[in-house]
Amino acid sequence: MIDFDEEIKHFKPSLEIEEAEDAIVRSDLTDMTDIMMELLKKAKE
């Protein structure tokens, strides 16, 4: 059986994950609200 407490002691987060988190936070992501607002602006024109 897996000893989860022992496994947690050996866990080291991947540097790739930390780099990905930084990239996601810094990026300007368009969400559905932005898309809907753009569509509404175009529909009014």
PDB file of N, CA and C in Angstrom:
ATOM      1  N   MET A   1       0.842  -1.184   0.000  1.00  0.00           N
ATOM      2  CA  MET A   1       0.000   0.000   0.000  1.00  0.00           C
ATOM      3  C   MET A   1       0.888   1.248   0.000  1.00  0.00           C
ATOM      4  N   ILE A   2       0.411   2.311  -0.616  1.00  0.00           N
ATOM      5  CA  ILE A   2       1.187   3.549  -0.725  1.00  0.00           C
ATOM      6  C   ILE A   2       1.090   4.327   0.582  1.00  0.00           C
ATOM      7  N   ASP A   3       2.236   4.758   1.092  1.00  0.00           N
ATOM      8  CA  ASP A   3       2.281   5.611   2.282  1.00  0.00           C
ATOM      9  C   ASP A   3       2.330   7.063   1.801  1.00  0.00           C
ATOM     10  N   PHE A   4       1.165   7.703   1.748  1.00  0.00           N
ATOM     11  CA  PHE A   4       1.071   9.037   1.185  1.00  0.00           C
ATOM     12  C   PHE A   4       1.905  10.054   1.954  1.00  0.00           C
ATOM     13  N   ASP A   5       1.966   9.940   3.275  1.00  0.00           N
ATOM     14  CA  ASP A   5       2.770  10.874   4.061  1.00  0.00           C
ATOM     15  C   ASP A   5       4.241  10.785   3.670  1.00  0.00           C
ATOM     16  N   GLU A   6       4.724   9.596   3.448  1.00  0.00           N
ATOM     17  CA  GLU A   6       6.113   9.393   3.043  1.00  0.00           C
ATOM     18  C   GLU A   6       6.343   9.943   1.625  1.00  0.00           C
ATOM     19  N   GLU A   7       5.389   9.742   0.744  1.00  0.00           N
ATOM     20  CA  GLU A   7       5.513  10.244  -0.624  1.00  0.00           C
ATOM     21  C   GLU A   7       5.532  11.770  -0.656  1.00  0.00           C
ATOM     22  N   ILE A   8       4.730  12.399   0.170  1.00  0.00           N
ATOM     23  CA  ILE A   8       4.687  13.863   0.229  1.00  0.00           C
ATOM     24  C   ILE A   8       6.036  14.420   0.668  1.00  0.00           C
ATOM     25  N   LYS A   9       6.709  13.745   1.572  1.00  0.00           N
ATOM     26  CA  LYS A   9       8.026  14.196   2.038  1.00  0.00           C
ATOM     27  C   LYS A   9       9.023  14.262   0.885  1.00  0.00           C
ATOM     28  N   HIS A  10       8.885  13.388  -0.100  1.00  0.00           N
ATOM     29  CA  HIS A  10       9.810  13.326  -1.218  1.00  0.00           C
ATOM     30  C   HIS A  10       9.374  14.168  -2.413  1.00  0.00           C
ATOM     31  N   PHE A  11       8.191  14.763  -2.332  1.00  0.00           N
ATOM     32  CA  PHE A  11       7.648  15.528  -3.452  1.00  0.00           C
ATOM     33  C   PHE A  11       8.427  16.824  -3.664  1.00  0.00           C
ATOM     34  N   LYS A  12       8.782  17.100  -4.911  1.00  0.00           N
ATOM     35  CA  LYS A  12       9.405  18.364  -5.295  1.00  0.00           C
ATOM     36  C   LYS A  12       8.653  18.870  -6.512  1.00  0.00           C
ATOM     37  N   PRO A  13       8.094  20.087  -6.445  1.00  0.00           N
ATOM     38  CA  PRO A  13       7.339  20.591  -7.591  1.00  0.00           C
ATOM     39  C   PRO A  13       8.239  20.772  -8.804  1.00  0.00           C
ATOM     40  N   SER A  14       7.674  20.548  -9.944  1.00  0.00           N
ATOM     41  CA  SER A  14       8.404  20.693 -11.196  1.00  0.00           C
ATOM     42  C   SER A  14       8.631  22.169 -11.495  1.00  0.00           C
ATOM     43  N   LEU A  15       9.819  22.506 -11.934  1.00  0.00           N
ATOM     44  CA  LEU A  15      10.098  23.889 -12.325  1.00  0.00           C
ATOM     45  C   LEU A  15       9.246  24.294 -13.511  1.00  0.00           C
ATOM     46  N   GLU A  16       8.924  23.347 -14.367  1.00  0.00           N
ATOM     47  CA  GLU A  16       8.093  23.648 -15.529  1.00  0.00           C
ATOM     48  C   GLU A  16       6.729  24.174 -15.107  1.00  0.00           C
ATOM     49  N   ILE A  17       6.180  23.617 -14.045  1.00  0.00           N
ATOM     50  CA  ILE A  17       4.871  24.066 -13.546  1.00  0.00           C
ATOM     51  C   ILE A  17       4.972  25.505 -13.070  1.00  0.00           C
ATOM     52  N   GLU A  18       6.010  25.815 -12.315  1.00  0.00           N
ATOM     53  CA  GLU A  18       6.169  27.181 -11.826  1.00  0.00           C
ATOM     54  C   GLU A  18       6.345  28.161 -12.979  1.00  0.00           C
ATOM     55  N   GLU A  19       7.095  27.770 -13.993  1.00  0.00           N
ATOM     56  CA  GLU A  19       7.271  28.632 -15.164  1.00  0.00           C
ATOM     57  C   GLU A  19       5.947  28.826 -15.890  1.00  0.00           C
ATOM     58  N   ALA A  20       5.164  27.777 -15.985  1.00  0.00           N
ATOM     59  CA  ALA A  20       3.862  27.873 -16.650  1.00  0.00           C
ATOM     60  C   ALA A  20       2.938  28.809 -15.880  1.00  0.00           C
ATOM     61  N   GLU A  21       2.954  28.729 -14.558  1.00  0.00           N
ATOM     62  CA  GLU A  21       2.118  29.615 -13.754  1.00  0.00           C
ATOM     63  C   GLU A  21       2.475  31.069 -14.013  1.00  0.00           C
ATOM     64  N   ASP A  22       3.764  31.381 -14.057  1.00  0.00           N
ATOM     65  CA  ASP A  22       4.203  32.756 -14.319  1.00  0.00           C
ATOM     66  C   ASP A  22       3.746  33.229 -15.691  1.00  0.00           C
ATOM     67  N   ALA A  23       3.858  32.371 -16.683  1.00  0.00           N
ATOM     68  CA  ALA A  23       3.460  32.741 -18.040  1.00  0.00           C
ATOM     69  C   ALA A  23       1.956  32.986 -18.125  1.00  0.00           C
ATOM     70  N   ILE A  24       1.181  32.176 -17.444  1.00  0.00           N
ATOM     71  CA  ILE A  24      -0.277  32.326 -17.477  1.00  0.00           C
ATOM     72  C   ILE A  24      -0.696  33.617 -16.794  1.00  0.00           C
ATOM     73  N   VAL A  25      -0.089  33.916 -15.670  1.00  0.00           N
ATOM     74  CA  VAL A  25      -0.443  35.132 -14.931  1.00  0.00           C
ATOM     75  C   VAL A  25      -0.095  36.377 -15.734  1.00  0.00           C
ATOM     76  N   ARG A  26       1.027  36.351 -16.456  1.00  0.00           N
ATOM     77  CA  ARG A  26       1.471  37.515 -17.217  1.00  0.00           C
ATOM     78  C   ARG A  26       0.759  37.682 -18.545  1.00  0.00           C
ATOM     79  N   SER A  27       0.125  36.651 -19.041  1.00  0.00           N
ATOM     80  CA  SER A  27      -0.492  36.758 -20.363  1.00  0.00           C
ATOM     81  C   SER A  27      -1.857  37.433 -20.285  1.00  0.00           C
ATOM     82  N   ASP A  28      -2.224  38.064 -21.386  1.00  0.00           N
ATOM     83  CA  ASP A  28      -3.520  38.734 -21.482  1.00  0.00           C
ATOM     84  C   ASP A  28      -4.476  37.771 -22.166  1.00  0.00           C
ATOM     85  N   LEU A  29      -5.238  37.059 -21.393  1.00  0.00           N
ATOM     86  CA  LEU A  29      -6.131  36.052 -21.947  1.00  0.00           C
ATOM     87  C   LEU A  29      -7.505  36.639 -22.217  1.00  0.00           C
ATOM     88  N   THR A  30      -8.046  36.320 -23.380  1.00  0.00           N
ATOM     89  CA  THR A  30      -9.398  36.743 -23.728  1.00  0.00           C
ATOM     90  C   THR A  30     -10.372  35.701 -23.186  1.00  0.00           C
ATOM     91  N   ASP A  31     -11.362  36.166 -22.456  1.00  0.00           N
ATOM     92  CA  ASP A  31     -12.349  35.224 -21.954  1.00  0.00           C
ATOM     93  C   ASP A  31     -13.674  35.425 -22.695  1.00  0.00           C
ATOM     94  N   MET A  32     -14.653  34.638 -22.347  1.00  0.00           N
ATOM     95  CA  MET A  32     -15.944  34.694 -23.048  1.00  0.00           C
ATOM     96  C   MET A  32     -16.602  36.059 -22.921  1.00  0.00           C
ATOM     97  N   THR A  33     -16.431  36.727 -21.799  1.00  0.00           N
ATOM     98  CA  THR A  33     -17.021  38.052 -21.635  1.00  0.00           C
ATOM     99  C   THR A  33     -16.435  39.030 -22.646  1.00  0.00           C
ATOM    100  N   ASP A  34     -15.115  38.984 -22.820  1.00  0.00           N
ATOM    101  CA  ASP A  34     -14.470  39.861 -23.804  1.00  0.00           C
ATOM    102  C   ASP A  34     -14.993  39.589 -25.210  1.00  0.00           C
ATOM    103  N   ILE A  35     -15.142  38.326 -25.547  1.00  0.00           N
ATOM    104  CA  ILE A  35     -15.629  37.951 -26.874  1.00  0.00           C
ATOM    105  C   ILE A  35     -17.057  38.436 -27.077  1.00  0.00           C
ATOM    106  N   MET A  36     -17.893  38.244 -26.075  1.00  0.00           N
ATOM    107  CA  MET A  36     -19.291  38.683 -26.187  1.00  0.00           C
ATOM    108  C   MET A  36     -19.388  40.198 -26.304  1.00  0.00           C
ATOM    109  N   MET A  37     -18.567  40.918 -25.559  1.00  0.00           N
ATOM    110  CA  MET A  37     -18.598  42.387 -25.641  1.00  0.00           C
ATOM    111  C   MET A  37     -18.169  42.848 -27.032  1.00  0.00           C
ATOM    112  N   GLU A  38     -17.174  42.209 -27.615  1.00  0.00           N
ATOM    113  CA  GLU A  38     -16.724  42.552 -28.963  1.00  0.00           C
ATOM    114  C   GLU A  38     -17.812  42.265 -29.996  1.00  0.00           C
ATOM    115  N   LEU A  39     -18.488  41.146 -29.853  1.00  0.00           N
ATOM    116  CA  LEU A  39     -19.577  40.813 -30.773  1.00  0.00           C
ATOM    117  C   LEU A  39     -20.732  41.804 -30.665  1.00  0.00           C
ATOM    118  N   LEU A  40     -21.055  42.221 -29.453  1.00  0.00           N
ATOM    119  CA  LEU A  40     -22.121  43.198 -29.266  1.00  0.00           C
ATOM    120  C   LEU A  40     -21.750  44.546 -29.880  1.00  0.00           C
ATOM    121  N   LYS A  41     -20.502  44.962 -29.742  1.00  0.00           N
ATOM    122  CA  LYS A  41     -20.064  46.224 -30.354  1.00  0.00           C
ATOM    123  C   LYS A  41     -20.207  46.162 -31.867  1.00  0.00           C
ATOM    124  N   LYS A  42     -19.783  45.039 -32.457  1.00  0.00           N
ATOM    125  CA  LYS A  42     -19.874  44.884 -33.910  1.00  0.00           C
ATOM    126  C   LYS A  42     -21.327  44.828 -34.374  1.00  0.00           C
ATOM    127  N   ALA A  43     -22.206  44.229 -33.580  1.00  0.00           N
ATOM    128  CA  ALA A  43     -23.616  44.114 -33.952  1.00  0.00           C
ATOM    129  C   ALA A  43     -24.292  45.484 -33.953  1.00  0.00           C
ATOM    130  N   LYS A  44     -23.854  46.394 -33.080  1.00  0.00           N
ATOM    131  CA  LYS A  44     -24.441  47.740 -33.005  1.00  0.00           C
ATOM    132  C   LYS A  44     -24.001  48.619 -34.166  1.00  0.00           C
ATOM    133  N   GLU A  45     -22.871  48.293 -34.794  1.00  0.00           N
ATOM    134  CA  GLU A  45     -22.362  49.127 -35.897  1.00  0.00           C
ATOM    135  C   GLU A  45     -23.143  48.955 -37.159  1.00  0.00           C
TER     136      GLU A  45
END
